[in-house]
C-alpha atoms as a PDB file:
ATOM      1  CA  UNK A   1     -13.840 -27.637 -28.855  1.00  0.00           C
ATOM      2  CA  UNK A   2     -15.317 -24.275 -29.843  1.00  0.00           C
ATOM      3  CA  UNK A   3     -14.424 -20.940 -28.290  1.00  0.00           C
ATOM      4  CA  UNK A   4     -17.501 -20.704 -26.038  1.00  0.00           C
ATOM      5  CA  UNK A   5     -16.836 -24.124 -24.562  1.00  0.00           C
ATOM      6  CA  UNK A   6     -13.213 -23.199 -23.909  1.00  0.00           C
ATOM      7  CA  UNK A   7     -14.289 -19.976 -22.177  1.00  0.00           C
ATOM      8  CA  UNK A   8     -16.821 -21.854 -20.050  1.00  0.00           C
ATOM      9  CA  UNK A   9     -14.170 -24.429 -19.082  1.00  0.00           C
ATOM     10  CA  UNK A  10     -11.764 -21.668 -18.066  1.00  0.00           C
ATOM     11  CA  UNK A  11     -14.439 -19.952 -15.962  1.00  0.00           C
ATOM     12  CA  UNK A  12     -15.340 -23.213 -14.218  1.00  0.00           C
ATOM     13  CA  UNK A  13     -11.691 -23.883 -13.466  1.00  0.00           C
ATOM     14  CA  UNK A  14     -11.271 -20.384 -12.033  1.00  0.00           C
ATOM     15  CA  UNK A  15     -14.375 -20.775  -9.834  1.00  0.00           C
ATOM     16  CA  UNK A  16     -13.162 -24.177  -8.664  1.00  0.00           C
ATOM     17  CA  UNK A  17      -9.744 -22.762  -7.781  1.00  0.00           C
ATOM     18  CA  UNK A  18     -11.273 -19.934  -5.754  1.00  0.00           C
ATOM     19  CA  UNK A  19     -13.544 -22.378  -3.906  1.00  0.00           C
ATOM     20  CA  UNK A  20     -10.535 -24.526  -3.030  1.00  0.00           C
ATOM     21  CA  UNK A  21      -8.653 -21.442  -1.815  1.00  0.00           C
ATOM     22  CA  UNK A  22     -11.626 -20.387   0.322  1.00  0.00           C
ATOM     23  CA  UNK A  23     -11.865 -23.888   1.795  1.00  0.00           C
ATOM     24  CA  UNK A  24      -8.157 -23.906   2.667  1.00  0.00           C
ATOM     25  CA  UNK A  25      -8.410 -20.472   4.292  1.00  0.00           C
ATOM     26  CA  UNK A  26     -11.384 -21.697   6.309  1.00  0.00           C
ATOM     27  CA  UNK A  27      -9.405 -24.722   7.533  1.00  0.00           C
ATOM     28  CA  UNK A  28      -6.538 -22.460   8.640  1.00  0.00           C
ATOM     29  CA  UNK A  29      -8.926 -20.180  10.531  1.00  0.00           C
ATOM     30  CA  UNK A  30     -10.561 -23.150  12.259  1.00  0.00           C
ATOM     31  CA  UNK A  31      -7.168 -24.509  13.263  1.00  0.00           C
ATOM     32  CA  UNK A  32      -6.097 -21.132  14.697  1.00  0.00           C
ATOM     33  CA  UNK A  33      -9.369 -20.803  16.598  1.00  0.00           C
ATOM     34  CA  UNK A  34      -8.941 -24.313  18.022  1.00  0.00           C
ATOM     35  CA  UNK A  35      -5.398 -23.458  19.157  1.00  0.00           C
ATOM     36  CA  UNK A  36      -6.692 -20.343  20.926  1.00  0.00           C
ATOM     37  CA  UNK A  37      -9.343 -22.406  22.712  1.00  0.00           C
ATOM     38  CA  UNK A  38      -6.802 -25.004  23.825  1.00  0.00           C
ATOM     39  CA  UNK A  39      -4.471 -22.463  25.422  1.00  0.00           C
ATOM     40  CA  UNK A  40      -5.660 -20.796  28.634  1.00  0.00           C
ATOM     41  CA  UNK A  41      -5.497 -17.009  28.360  1.00  0.00           C
ATOM     42  CA  UNK A  42      -3.277 -16.611  31.430  1.00  0.00           C
ATOM     43  CA  UNK A  43      -0.457 -18.352  29.543  1.00  0.00           C
ATOM     44  CA  UNK A  44      -0.167 -15.471  27.099  1.00  0.00           C
END
């Protein structure tokens, strides 16, 4: 594998990792929002 291919592979892996992180953060936000909706505000 030449240097350019190795660099491209590393970049793809980095992009993939950041996409996964974004997806996980999105799931957490959705879960928090759902919890807020489930609890009536007068309980707070």
